[in-house]
Amino acid sequence: MNAFNARSLKTLFGTLALSLALAGSALAAEKVNINTADAATLDRVLVNVGPAKAQAIVAYRKQNGAFRSAEQLAQVQGIGLKTVEKNREMILVGGGAPAAKPAAAKAPTAPAKGR
């Protein structure tokens, strides 16, 4: 192989390596709103969060309302502060639905008195 081909090949591999590194960074930069994302999205984007933990996040959110901070995610069964820290750059906390409130029993109404 002559010097020109070796240099061209080295440049090609360098460019390819840089392109792959930048592509990996772009994928890692994906963000997810923990108040609106479905379980499949949480599973796909968050590190160390599989389908069961993702479903637990959605269930917790439905029962307790929107997350107010990323740290509050650690209150979900199976999610710890280490997991929150690993995912901090990917977690968005935006508006979400308030907690579902149990239906209140209606108080009996008194019959209207005649005048």
PDB file of N, CA and C in Angstrom:
ATOM      1  N   MET A   1       0.857  -1.173   0.000  1.00  0.00           N
ATOM      2  CA  MET A   1       0.000   0.000   0.000  1.00  0.00           C
ATOM      3  C   MET A   1       0.904   1.238   0.000  1.00  0.00           C
ATOM      4  N   ASN A   2       0.620   2.169  -0.843  1.00  0.00           N
ATOM      5  CA  ASN A   2       1.477   3.351  -0.881  1.00  0.00           C
ATOM      6  C   ASN A   2       1.069   4.334   0.222  1.00  0.00           C
ATOM      7  N   ALA A   3       1.877   5.368   0.420  1.00  0.00           N
ATOM      8  CA  ALA A   3       1.662   6.336   1.496  1.00  0.00           C
ATOM      9  C   ALA A   3       0.348   7.084   1.328  1.00  0.00           C
ATOM     10  N   PHE A   4      -0.022   7.399   0.075  1.00  0.00           N
ATOM     11  CA  PHE A   4      -1.259   8.134  -0.170  1.00  0.00           C
ATOM     12  C   PHE A   4      -2.472   7.322   0.286  1.00  0.00           C
ATOM     13  N   ASN A   5      -2.539   6.054  -0.083  1.00  0.00           N
ATOM     14  CA  ASN A   5      -3.668   5.201   0.290  1.00  0.00           C
ATOM     15  C   ASN A   5      -3.733   4.997   1.798  1.00  0.00           C
ATOM     16  N   ALA A   6      -2.591   4.850   2.455  1.00  0.00           N
ATOM     17  CA  ALA A   6      -2.567   4.659   3.908  1.00  0.00           C
ATOM     18  C   ALA A   6      -3.095   5.903   4.607  1.00  0.00           C
ATOM     19  N   ARG A   7      -2.683   7.067   4.137  1.00  0.00           N
ATOM     20  CA  ARG A   7      -3.133   8.323   4.728  1.00  0.00           C
ATOM     21  C   ARG A   7      -4.631   8.518   4.494  1.00  0.00           C
ATOM     22  N   SER A   8      -5.102   8.213   3.302  1.00  0.00           N
ATOM     23  CA  SER A   8      -6.526   8.343   2.981  1.00  0.00           C
ATOM     24  C   SER A   8      -7.362   7.395   3.828  1.00  0.00           C
ATOM     25  N   LEU A   9      -6.865   6.180   3.993  1.00  0.00           N
ATOM     26  CA  LEU A   9      -7.580   5.197   4.801  1.00  0.00           C
ATOM     27  C   LEU A   9      -7.642   5.633   6.265  1.00  0.00           C
ATOM     28  N   LYS A  10      -6.554   6.166   6.753  1.00  0.00           N
ATOM     29  CA  LYS A  10      -6.513   6.643   8.141  1.00  0.00           C
ATOM     30  C   LYS A  10      -7.501   7.797   8.328  1.00  0.00           C
ATOM     31  N   THR A  11      -7.540   8.718   7.369  1.00  0.00           N
ATOM     32  CA  THR A  11      -8.475   9.843   7.432  1.00  0.00           C
ATOM     33  C   THR A  11      -9.918   9.347   7.373  1.00  0.00           C
ATOM     34  N   LEU A  12     -10.180   8.379   6.515  1.00  0.00           N
ATOM     35  CA  LEU A  12     -11.523   7.822   6.392  1.00  0.00           C
ATOM     36  C   LEU A  12     -11.977   7.195   7.710  1.00  0.00           C
ATOM     37  N   PHE A  13     -11.112   6.387   8.317  1.00  0.00           N
ATOM     38  CA  PHE A  13     -11.471   5.748   9.590  1.00  0.00           C
ATOM     39  C   PHE A  13     -11.628   6.772  10.705  1.00  0.00           C
ATOM     40  N   GLY A  14     -10.817   7.803  10.703  1.00  0.00           N
ATOM     41  CA  GLY A  14     -10.949   8.867  11.699  1.00  0.00           C
ATOM     42  C   GLY A  14     -12.277   9.594  11.574  1.00  0.00           C
ATOM     43  N   THR A  15     -12.646   9.886  10.336  1.00  0.00           N
ATOM     44  CA  THR A  15     -13.921  10.552  10.079  1.00  0.00           C
ATOM     45  C   THR A  15     -15.093   9.665  10.479  1.00  0.00           C
ATOM     46  N   LEU A  16     -14.995   8.395  10.158  1.00  0.00           N
ATOM     47  CA  LEU A  16     -16.042   7.449  10.513  1.00  0.00           C
ATOM     48  C   LEU A  16     -16.190   7.339  12.030  1.00  0.00           C
ATOM     49  N   ALA A  17     -15.080   7.255  12.746  1.00  0.00           N
ATOM     50  CA  ALA A  17     -15.117   7.157  14.207  1.00  0.00           C
ATOM     51  C   ALA A  17     -15.749   8.403  14.814  1.00  0.00           C
ATOM     52  N   LEU A  18     -15.389   9.574  14.307  1.00  0.00           N
ATOM     53  CA  LEU A  18     -15.962  10.821  14.802  1.00  0.00           C
ATOM     54  C   LEU A  18     -17.462  10.878  14.535  1.00  0.00           C
ATOM     55  N   SER A  19     -17.866  10.453  13.354  1.00  0.00           N
ATOM     56  CA  SER A  19     -19.291  10.444  13.007  1.00  0.00           C
ATOM     57  C   SER A  19     -20.082   9.535  13.939  1.00  0.00           C
ATOM     58  N   LEU A  20     -19.543   8.362  14.216  1.00  0.00           N
ATOM     59  CA  LEU A  20     -20.223   7.433  15.122  1.00  0.00           C
ATOM     60  C   LEU A  20     -20.302   8.001  16.538  1.00  0.00           C
ATOM     61  N   ALA A  21     -19.243   8.649  16.976  1.00  0.00           N
ATOM     62  CA  ALA A  21     -19.243   9.249  18.313  1.00  0.00           C
ATOM     63  C   ALA A  21     -20.298  10.344  18.411  1.00  0.00           C
ATOM     64  N   LEU A  22     -20.390  11.183  17.387  1.00  0.00           N
ATOM     65  CA  LEU A  22     -21.397  12.247  17.399  1.00  0.00           C
ATOM     66  C   LEU A  22     -22.804  11.685  17.315  1.00  0.00           C
ATOM     67  N   ALA A  23     -23.003  10.639  16.554  1.00  0.00           N
ATOM     68  CA  ALA A  23     -24.320  10.013  16.451  1.00  0.00           C
ATOM     69  C   ALA A  23     -24.716   9.423  17.795  1.00  0.00           C
ATOM     70  N   GLY A  24     -23.775   8.802  18.481  1.00  0.00           N
ATOM     71  CA  GLY A  24     -24.053   8.240  19.802  1.00  0.00           C
ATOM     72  C   GLY A  24     -24.432   9.323  20.792  1.00  0.00           C
ATOM     73  N   SER A  25     -23.768  10.472  20.715  1.00  0.00           N
ATOM     74  CA  SER A  25     -24.088  11.592  21.601  1.00  0.00           C
ATOM     75  C   SER A  25     -25.483  12.116  21.320  1.00  0.00           C
ATOM     76  N   ALA A  26     -25.857  12.160  20.066  1.00  0.00           N
ATOM     77  CA  ALA A  26     -27.190  12.653  19.708  1.00  0.00           C
ATOM     78  C   ALA A  26     -28.263  11.723  20.250  1.00  0.00           C
ATOM     79  N   LEU A  27     -28.034  10.431  20.175  1.00  0.00           N
ATOM     80  CA  LEU A  27     -29.012   9.482  20.704  1.00  0.00           C
ATOM     81  C   LEU A  27     -29.087   9.568  22.215  1.00  0.00           C
ATOM     82  N   ALA A  28     -27.959   9.733  22.869  1.00  0.00           N
ATOM     83  CA  ALA A  28     -27.924   9.800  24.327  1.00  0.00           C
ATOM     84  C   ALA A  28     -28.579  11.076  24.838  1.00  0.00           C
ATOM     85  N   ALA A  29     -28.692  12.087  24.002  1.00  0.00           N
ATOM     86  CA  ALA A  29     -29.232  13.366  24.422  1.00  0.00           C
ATOM     87  C   ALA A  29     -30.757  13.399  24.393  1.00  0.00           C
ATOM     88  N   GLU A  30     -31.405  12.323  23.998  1.00  0.00           N
ATOM     89  CA  GLU A  30     -32.868  12.318  23.961  1.00  0.00           C
ATOM     90  C   GLU A  30     -33.404  12.549  25.362  1.00  0.00           C
ATOM     91  N   LYS A  31     -34.428  13.361  25.448  1.00  0.00           N
ATOM     92  CA  LYS A  31     -35.018  13.690  26.744  1.00  0.00           C
ATOM     93  C   LYS A  31     -36.440  13.149  26.817  1.00  0.00           C
ATOM     94  N   VAL A  32     -36.903  12.953  28.053  1.00  0.00           N
ATOM     95  CA  VAL A  32     -38.243  12.411  28.251  1.00  0.00           C
ATOM     96  C   VAL A  32     -38.913  13.156  29.400  1.00  0.00           C
ATOM     97  N   ASN A  33     -40.164  13.550  29.181  1.00  0.00           N
ATOM     98  CA  ASN A  33     -40.947  14.199  30.222  1.00  0.00           C
ATOM     99  C   ASN A  33     -41.587  13.099  31.062  1.00  0.00           C
ATOM    100  N   ILE A  34     -41.172  12.994  32.313  1.00  0.00           N
ATOM    101  CA  ILE A  34     -41.667  11.908  33.166  1.00  0.00           C
ATOM    102  C   ILE A  34     -43.131  12.094  33.569  1.00  0.00           C
ATOM    103  N   ASN A  35     -43.696  13.254  33.268  1.00  0.00           N
ATOM    104  CA  ASN A  35     -45.112  13.485  33.583  1.00  0.00           C
ATOM    105  C   ASN A  35     -46.049  13.166  32.430  1.00  0.00           C
ATOM    106  N   THR A  36     -45.502  12.998  31.239  1.00  0.00           N
ATOM    107  CA  THR A  36     -46.382  12.764  30.091  1.00  0.00           C
ATOM    108  C   THR A  36     -46.021  11.525  29.276  1.00  0.00           C
ATOM    109  N   ALA A  37     -44.817  11.004  29.447  1.00  0.00           N
ATOM    110  CA  ALA A  37     -44.359   9.874  28.628  1.00  0.00           C
ATOM    111  C   ALA A  37     -45.077   8.583  29.005  1.00  0.00           C
ATOM    112  N   ASP A  38     -45.294   7.734  28.009  1.00  0.00           N
ATOM    113  CA  ASP A  38     -45.856   6.414  28.280  1.00  0.00           C
ATOM    114  C   ASP A  38     -44.739   5.469  28.721  1.00  0.00           C
ATOM    115  N   ALA A  39     -45.119   4.300  29.178  1.00  0.00           N
ATOM    116  CA  ALA A  39     -44.150   3.337  29.709  1.00  0.00           C
ATOM    117  C   ALA A  39     -43.124   2.922  28.662  1.00  0.00           C
ATOM    118  N   ALA A  40     -43.546   2.756  27.420  1.00  0.00           N
ATOM    119  CA  ALA A  40     -42.611   2.341  26.368  1.00  0.00           C
ATOM    120  C   ALA A  40     -41.521   3.387  26.147  1.00  0.00           C
ATOM    121  N   THR A  41     -41.890   4.649  26.189  1.00  0.00           N
ATOM    122  CA  THR A  41     -40.917   5.727  26.001  1.00  0.00           C
ATOM    123  C   THR A  41     -39.968   5.804  27.191  1.00  0.00           C
ATOM    124  N   LEU A  42     -40.494   5.697  28.393  1.00  0.00           N
ATOM    125  CA  LEU A  42     -39.644   5.714  29.588  1.00  0.00           C
ATOM    126  C   LEU A  42     -38.649   4.563  29.544  1.00  0.00           C
ATOM    127  N   ASP A  43     -39.107   3.397  29.147  1.00  0.00           N
ATOM    128  CA  ASP A  43     -38.257   2.213  29.033  1.00  0.00           C
ATOM    129  C   ASP A  43     -37.148   2.438  28.008  1.00  0.00           C
ATOM    130  N   ARG A  44     -37.485   3.047  26.897  1.00  0.00           N
ATOM    131  CA  ARG A  44     -36.530   3.240  25.804  1.00  0.00           C
ATOM    132  C   ARG A  44     -35.480   4.296  26.128  1.00  0.00           C
ATOM    133  N   VAL A  45     -35.873   5.383  26.788  1.00  0.00           N
ATOM    134  CA  VAL A  45     -34.973   6.522  26.969  1.00  0.00           C
ATOM    135  C   VAL A  45     -34.156   6.436  28.251  1.00  0.00           C
ATOM    136  N   LEU A  46     -34.757   6.000  29.340  1.00  0.00           N
ATOM    137  CA  LEU A  46     -34.061   6.041  30.625  1.00  0.00           C
ATOM    138  C   LEU A  46     -33.154   4.835  30.826  1.00  0.00           C
ATOM    139  N   VAL A  47     -31.968   5.093  31.371  1.00  0.00           N
ATOM    140  CA  VAL A  47     -30.977   4.061  31.653  1.00  0.00           C
ATOM    141  C   VAL A  47     -31.372   3.313  32.928  1.00  0.00           C
ATOM    142  N   ASN A  48     -31.237   2.007  32.920  1.00  0.00           N
ATOM    143  CA  ASN A  48     -31.572   1.132  34.055  1.00  0.00           C
ATOM    144  C   ASN A  48     -33.064   1.160  34.402  1.00  0.00           C
ATOM    145  N   VAL A  49     -33.891   1.507  33.448  1.00  0.00           N
ATOM    146  CA  VAL A  49     -35.343   1.467  33.630  1.00  0.00           C
ATOM    147  C   VAL A  49     -35.891   0.568  32.531  1.00  0.00           C
ATOM    148  N   GLY A  50     -36.357  -0.604  32.942  1.00  0.00           N
ATOM    149  CA  GLY A  50     -36.939  -1.541  32.000  1.00  0.00           C
ATOM    150  C   GLY A  50     -38.448  -1.408  31.975  1.00  0.00           C
ATOM    151  N   PRO A  51     -39.128  -2.347  31.347  1.00  0.00           N
ATOM    152  CA  PRO A  51     -40.585  -2.261  31.220  1.00  0.00           C
ATOM    153  C   PRO A  51     -41.325  -2.225  32.563  1.00  0.00           C
ATOM    154  N   ALA A  52     -40.876  -3.014  33.528  1.00  0.00           N
ATOM    155  CA  ALA A  52     -41.575  -3.062  34.821  1.00  0.00           C
ATOM    156  C   ALA A  52     -41.425  -1.740  35.580  1.00  0.00           C
ATOM    157  N   LYS A  53     -40.223  -1.194  35.599  1.00  0.00           N
ATOM    158  CA  LYS A  53     -40.005   0.081  36.292  1.00  0.00           C
ATOM    159  C   LYS A  53     -40.709   1.217  35.564  1.00  0.00           C
ATOM    160  N   ALA A  54     -40.712   1.169  34.250  1.00  0.00           N
ATOM    161  CA  ALA A  54     -41.400   2.196  33.473  1.00  0.00           C
ATOM    162  C   ALA A  54     -42.896   2.171  33.781  1.00  0.00           C
ATOM    163  N   GLN A  55     -43.463   0.990  33.872  1.00  0.00           N
ATOM    164  CA  GLN A  55     -44.886   0.873  34.200  1.00  0.00           C
ATOM    165  C   GLN A  55     -45.144   1.354  35.625  1.00  0.00           C
ATOM    166  N   ALA A  56     -44.193   1.094  36.536  1.00  0.00           N
ATOM    167  CA  ALA A  56     -44.325   1.570  37.921  1.00  0.00           C
ATOM    168  C   ALA A  56     -44.313   3.097  37.970  1.00  0.00           C
ATOM    169  N   ILE A  57     -43.514   3.733  37.119  1.00  0.00           N
ATOM    170  CA  ILE A  57     -43.484   5.200  37.054  1.00  0.00           C
ATOM    171  C   ILE A  57     -44.839   5.731  36.616  1.00  0.00           C
ATOM    172  N   VAL A  58     -45.415   5.125  35.579  1.00  0.00           N
ATOM    173  CA  VAL A  58     -46.722   5.568  35.079  1.00  0.00           C
ATOM    174  C   VAL A  58     -47.799   5.355  36.149  1.00  0.00           C
ATOM    175  N   ALA A  59     -47.770   4.205  36.822  1.00  0.00           N
ATOM    176  CA  ALA A  59     -48.764   3.917  37.866  1.00  0.00           C
ATOM    177  C   ALA A  59     -48.634   4.897  39.031  1.00  0.00           C
ATOM    178  N   TYR A  60     -47.403   5.187  39.440  1.00  0.00           N
ATOM    179  CA  TYR A  60     -47.169   6.138  40.535  1.00  0.00           C
ATOM    180  C   TYR A  60     -47.722   7.510  40.155  1.00  0.00           C
ATOM    181  N   ARG A  61     -47.453   7.918  38.916  1.00  0.00           N
ATOM    182  CA  ARG A  61     -47.907   9.221  38.429  1.00  0.00           C
ATOM    183  C   ARG A  61     -49.427   9.306  38.421  1.00  0.00           C
ATOM    184  N   LYS A  62     -50.082   8.222  38.002  1.00  0.00           N
ATOM    185  CA  LYS A  62     -51.545   8.216  37.971  1.00  0.00           C
ATOM    186  C   LYS A  62     -52.133   8.300  39.378  1.00  0.00           C
ATOM    187  N   GLN A  63     -51.479   7.649  40.315  1.00  0.00           N
ATOM    188  CA  GLN A  63     -51.998   7.626  41.684  1.00  0.00           C
ATOM    189  C   GLN A  63     -51.659   8.892  42.460  1.00  0.00           C
ATOM    190  N   ASN A  64     -50.482   9.472  42.224  1.00  0.00           N
ATOM    191  CA  ASN A  64     -50.002  10.580  43.045  1.00  0.00           C
ATOM    192  C   ASN A  64     -49.943  11.925  42.337  1.00  0.00           C
ATOM    193  N   GLY A  65     -50.234  11.939  41.071  1.00  0.00           N
ATOM    194  CA  GLY A  65     -50.177  13.187  40.326  1.00  0.00           C
ATOM    195  C   GLY A  65     -48.800  13.430  39.724  1.00  0.00           C
ATOM    196  N   ALA A  66     -48.657  14.570  39.110  1.00  0.00           N
ATOM    197  CA  ALA A  66     -47.439  14.916  38.381  1.00  0.00           C
ATOM    198  C   ALA A  66     -46.234  14.992  39.310  1.00  0.00           C
ATOM    199  N   PHE A  67     -45.089  14.596  38.775  1.00  0.00           N
ATOM    200  CA  PHE A  67     -43.830  14.741  39.493  1.00  0.00           C
ATOM    201  C   PHE A  67     -43.480  16.223  39.521  1.00  0.00           C
ATOM    202  N   ARG A  68     -42.992  16.703  40.653  1.00  0.00           N
ATOM    203  CA  ARG A  68     -42.598  18.102  40.775  1.00  0.00           C
ATOM    204  C   ARG A  68     -41.097  18.277  40.570  1.00  0.00           C
ATOM    205  N   SER A  69     -40.346  17.170  40.667  1.00  0.00           N
ATOM    206  CA  SER A  69     -38.894  17.220  40.464  1.00  0.00           C
ATOM    207  C   SER A  69     -38.412  15.850  40.012  1.00  0.00           C
ATOM    208  N   ALA A  70     -37.212  15.829  39.454  1.00  0.00           N
ATOM    209  CA  ALA A  70     -36.624  14.556  39.047  1.00  0.00           C
ATOM    210  C   ALA A  70     -36.370  13.681  40.264  1.00  0.00           C
ATOM    211  N   GLU A  71     -35.974  14.287  41.374  1.00  0.00           N
ATOM    212  CA  GLU A  71     -35.678  13.527  42.593  1.00  0.00           C
ATOM    213  C   GLU A  71     -36.894  12.764  43.106  1.00  0.00           C
ATOM    214  N   GLN A  72     -38.074  13.289  42.865  1.00  0.00           N
ATOM    215  CA  GLN A  72     -39.299  12.632  43.316  1.00  0.00           C
ATOM    216  C   GLN A  72     -39.483  11.281  42.638  1.00  0.00           C
ATOM    217  N   LEU A  73     -38.836  11.088  41.521  1.00  0.00           N
ATOM    218  CA  LEU A  73     -38.883   9.808  40.814  1.00  0.00           C
ATOM    219  C   LEU A  73     -38.348   8.675  41.691  1.00  0.00           C
ATOM    220  N   ALA A  74     -37.468   8.995  42.638  1.00  0.00           N
ATOM    221  CA  ALA A  74     -36.895   7.996  43.539  1.00  0.00           C
ATOM    222  C   ALA A  74     -37.938   7.423  44.503  1.00  0.00           C
ATOM    223  N   GLN A  75     -39.110   8.020  44.580  1.00  0.00           N
ATOM    224  CA  GLN A  75     -40.176   7.493  45.429  1.00  0.00           C
ATOM    225  C   GLN A  75     -40.905   6.321  44.777  1.00  0.00           C
ATOM    226  N   VAL A  76     -40.636   6.088  43.507  1.00  0.00           N
ATOM    227  CA  VAL A  76     -41.245   4.972  42.786  1.00  0.00           C
ATOM    228  C   VAL A  76     -40.525   3.687  43.179  1.00  0.00           C
ATOM    229  N   GLN A  77     -41.272   2.649  43.478  1.00  0.00           N
ATOM    230  CA  GLN A  77     -40.702   1.357  43.844  1.00  0.00           C
ATOM    231  C   GLN A  77     -39.727   0.879  42.770  1.00  0.00           C
ATOM    232  N   GLY A  78     -38.491   0.589  43.164  1.00  0.00           N
ATOM    233  CA  GLY A  78     -37.499   0.077  42.231  1.00  0.00           C
ATOM    234  C   GLY A  78     -36.617   1.142  41.603  1.00  0.00           C
ATOM    235  N   ILE A  79     -36.921   2.414  41.848  1.00  0.00           N
ATOM    236  CA  ILE A  79     -36.107   3.511  41.321  1.00  0.00           C
ATOM    237  C   ILE A  79     -35.385   4.155  42.497  1.00  0.00           C
ATOM    238  N   GLY A  80     -34.088   4.256  42.390  1.00  0.00           N
ATOM    239  CA  GLY A  80     -33.307   4.879  43.460  1.00  0.00           C
ATOM    240  C   GLY A  80     -32.678   6.171  42.984  1.00  0.00           C
ATOM    241  N   LEU A  81     -32.040   6.873  43.917  1.00  0.00           N
ATOM    242  CA  LEU A  81     -31.386   8.131  43.570  1.00  0.00           C
ATOM    243  C   LEU A  81     -30.256   7.938  42.573  1.00  0.00           C
ATOM    244  N   LYS A  82     -29.586   6.763  42.601  1.00  0.00           N
ATOM    245  CA  LYS A  82     -28.520   6.505  41.629  1.00  0.00           C
ATOM    246  C   LYS A  82     -29.095   6.470  40.213  1.00  0.00           C
ATOM    247  N   THR A  83     -30.251   5.851  40.062  1.00  0.00           N
ATOM    248  CA  THR A  83     -30.900   5.798  38.749  1.00  0.00           C
ATOM    249  C   THR A  83     -31.309   7.202  38.312  1.00  0.00           C
ATOM    250  N   VAL A  84     -31.820   7.989  39.247  1.00  0.00           N
ATOM    251  CA  VAL A  84     -32.201   9.368  38.911  1.00  0.00           C
ATOM    252  C   VAL A  84     -30.968  10.138  38.452  1.00  0.00           C
ATOM    253  N   GLU A  85     -29.854   9.994  39.160  1.00  0.00           N
ATOM    254  CA  GLU A  85     -28.624  10.709  38.798  1.00  0.00           C
ATOM    255  C   GLU A  85     -28.106  10.286  37.424  1.00  0.00           C
ATOM    256  N   LYS A  86     -28.168   8.997  37.122  1.00  0.00           N
ATOM    257  CA  LYS A  86     -27.709   8.509  35.814  1.00  0.00           C
ATOM    258  C   LYS A  86     -28.546   9.090  34.678  1.00  0.00           C
ATOM    259  N   ASN A  87     -29.788   9.424  34.979  1.00  0.00           N
ATOM    260  CA  ASN A  87     -30.720   9.884  33.955  1.00  0.00           C
ATOM    261  C   ASN A  87     -31.004  11.383  34.020  1.00  0.00           C
ATOM    262  N   ARG A  88     -30.366  12.095  34.914  1.00  0.00           N
ATOM    263  CA  ARG A  88     -30.693  13.505  35.157  1.00  0.00           C
ATOM    264  C   ARG A  88     -30.719  14.342  33.871  1.00  0.00           C
ATOM    265  N   GLU A  89     -29.778  14.134  32.973  1.00  0.00           N
ATOM    266  CA  GLU A  89     -29.708  14.924  31.742  1.00  0.00           C
ATOM    267  C   GLU A  89     -30.847  14.596  30.775  1.00  0.00           C
ATOM    268  N   MET A  90     -31.506  13.473  30.974  1.00  0.00           N
ATOM    269  CA  MET A  90     -32.566  13.056  30.057  1.00  0.00           C
ATOM    270  C   MET A  90     -33.965  13.316  30.605  1.00  0.00           C
ATOM    271  N   ILE A  91     -34.055  13.658  31.888  1.00  0.00           N
ATOM    272  CA  ILE A  91     -35.361  13.811  32.540  1.00  0.00           C
ATOM    273  C   ILE A  91     -35.859  15.245  32.415  1.00  0.00           C
ATOM    274  N   LEU A  92     -37.065  15.378  31.919  1.00  0.00           N
ATOM    275  CA  LEU A  92     -37.778  16.652  31.905  1.00  0.00           C
ATOM    276  C   LEU A  92     -38.955  16.522  32.858  1.00  0.00           C
ATOM    277  N   VAL A  93     -39.259  17.595  33.565  1.00  0.00           N
ATOM    278  CA  VAL A  93     -40.406  17.603  34.475  1.00  0.00           C
ATOM    279  C   VAL A  93     -41.290  18.758  34.035  1.00  0.00           C
ATOM    280  N   GLY A  94     -42.351  18.419  33.328  1.00  0.00           N
ATOM    281  CA  GLY A  94     -43.272  19.439  32.839  1.00  0.00           C
ATOM    282  C   GLY A  94     -44.648  19.195  33.414  1.00  0.00           C
ATOM    283  N   GLY A  95     -45.598  19.942  32.953  1.00  0.00           N
ATOM    284  CA  GLY A  95     -46.967  19.803  33.422  1.00  0.00           C
ATOM    285  C   GLY A  95     -47.522  18.424  33.142  1.00  0.00           C
ATOM    286  N   GLY A  96     -48.278  17.934  34.052  1.00  0.00           N
ATOM    287  CA  GLY A  96     -48.921  16.640  33.895  1.00  0.00           C
ATOM    288  C   GLY A  96     -50.288  16.682  34.540  1.00  0.00           C
ATOM    289  N   ALA A  97     -50.970  15.588  34.478  1.00  0.00           N
ATOM    290  CA  ALA A  97     -52.307  15.503  35.063  1.00  0.00           C
ATOM    291  C   ALA A  97     -52.215  15.438  36.576  1.00  0.00           C
ATOM    292  N   PRO A  98     -53.136  16.083  37.294  1.00  0.00           N
ATOM    293  CA  PRO A  98     -53.149  15.965  38.750  1.00  0.00           C
ATOM    294  C   PRO A  98     -53.536  14.553  39.164  1.00  0.00           C
ATOM    295  N   ALA A  99     -53.295  14.231  40.413  1.00  0.00           N
ATOM    296  CA  ALA A  99     -53.612  12.901  40.926  1.00  0.00           C
ATOM    297  C   ALA A  99     -55.106  12.634  40.794  1.00  0.00           C
ATOM    298  N   ALA A 100     -55.425  11.402  40.504  1.00  0.00           N
ATOM    299  CA  ALA A 100     -56.826  11.008  40.437  1.00  0.00           C
ATOM    300  C   ALA A 100     -57.394  11.017  41.854  1.00  0.00           C
ATOM    301  N   LYS A 101     -58.505  11.689  42.033  1.00  0.00           N
ATOM    302  CA  LYS A 101     -59.120  11.759  43.352  1.00  0.00           C
ATOM    303  C   LYS A 101     -60.260  10.758  43.415  1.00  0.00           C
ATOM    304  N   PRO A 102     -60.370  10.066  44.556  1.00  0.00           N
ATOM    305  CA  PRO A 102     -61.487   9.137  44.672  1.00  0.00           C
ATOM    306  C   PRO A 102     -62.803   9.909  44.670  1.00  0.00           C
ATOM    307  N   ALA A 103     -63.817   9.308  44.103  1.00  0.00           N
ATOM    308  CA  ALA A 103     -65.128   9.949  44.041  1.00  0.00           C
ATOM    309  C   ALA A 103     -65.675  10.122  45.454  1.00  0.00           C
ATOM    310  N   ALA A 104     -66.063  11.323  45.762  1.00  0.00           N
ATOM    311  CA  ALA A 104     -66.608  11.610  47.092  1.00  0.00           C
ATOM    312  C   ALA A 104     -68.068  11.157  47.130  1.00  0.00           C
ATOM    313  N   ALA A 105     -68.440  10.588  48.259  1.00  0.00           N
ATOM    314  CA  ALA A 105     -69.832  10.162  48.424  1.00  0.00           C
ATOM    315  C   ALA A 105     -70.688  11.409  48.599  1.00  0.00           C
ATOM    316  N   LYS A 106     -71.813  11.423  47.922  1.00  0.00           N
ATOM    317  CA  LYS A 106     -72.708  12.572  48.043  1.00  0.00           C
ATOM    318  C   LYS A 106     -73.447  12.497  49.366  1.00  0.00           C
ATOM    319  N   ALA A 107     -73.506  13.639  50.016  1.00  0.00           N
ATOM    320  CA  ALA A 107     -74.264  13.706  51.280  1.00  0.00           C
ATOM    321  C   ALA A 107     -75.740  13.730  50.927  1.00  0.00           C
ATOM    322  N   PRO A 108     -76.515  13.020  51.725  1.00  0.00           N
ATOM    323  CA  PRO A 108     -77.956  13.034  51.444  1.00  0.00           C
ATOM    324  C   PRO A 108     -78.504  14.451  51.602  1.00  0.00           C
ATOM    325  N   THR A 109     -79.409  14.820  50.734  1.00  0.00           N
ATOM    326  CA  THR A 109     -79.993  16.151  50.813  1.00  0.00           C
ATOM    327  C   THR A 109     -81.284  16.068  51.598  1.00  0.00           C
ATOM    328  N   ALA A 110     -81.503  17.089  52.367  1.00  0.00           N
ATOM    329  CA  ALA A 110     -82.715  17.135  53.170  1.00  0.00           C
ATOM    330  C   ALA A 110     -83.895  17.492  52.260  1.00  0.00           C
ATOM    331  N   PRO A 111     -85.035  16.898  52.523  1.00  0.00           N
ATOM    332  CA  PRO A 111     -86.194  17.244  51.696  1.00  0.00           C
ATOM    333  C   PRO A 111     -86.558  18.711  51.879  1.00  0.00           C
ATOM    334  N   ALA A 112     -87.005  19.342  50.846  1.00  0.00           N
ATOM    335  CA  ALA A 112     -87.385  20.759  50.890  1.00  0.00           C
ATOM    336  C   ALA A 112     -88.615  20.910  51.757  1.00  0.00           C
ATOM    337  N   LYS A 113     -88.593  21.935  52.620  1.00  0.00           N
ATOM    338  CA  LYS A 113     -89.741  22.203  53.487  1.00  0.00           C
ATOM    339  C   LYS A 113     -90.723  23.101  52.768  1.00  0.00           C
ATOM    340  N   GLY A 114     -91.961  22.832  52.925  1.00  0.00           N
ATOM    341  CA  GLY A 114     -92.989  23.666  52.327  1.00  0.00           C
ATOM    342  C   GLY A 114     -93.146  24.948  53.098  1.00  0.00           C
ATOM    343  N   ARG A 115     -93.605  25.987  52.437  1.00  0.00           N
ATOM    344  CA  ARG A 115     -93.779  27.268  53.103  1.00  0.00           C
ATOM    345  C   ARG A 115     -95.164  27.478  53.457  1.00  0.00           C
TER     346      ARG A 115
END
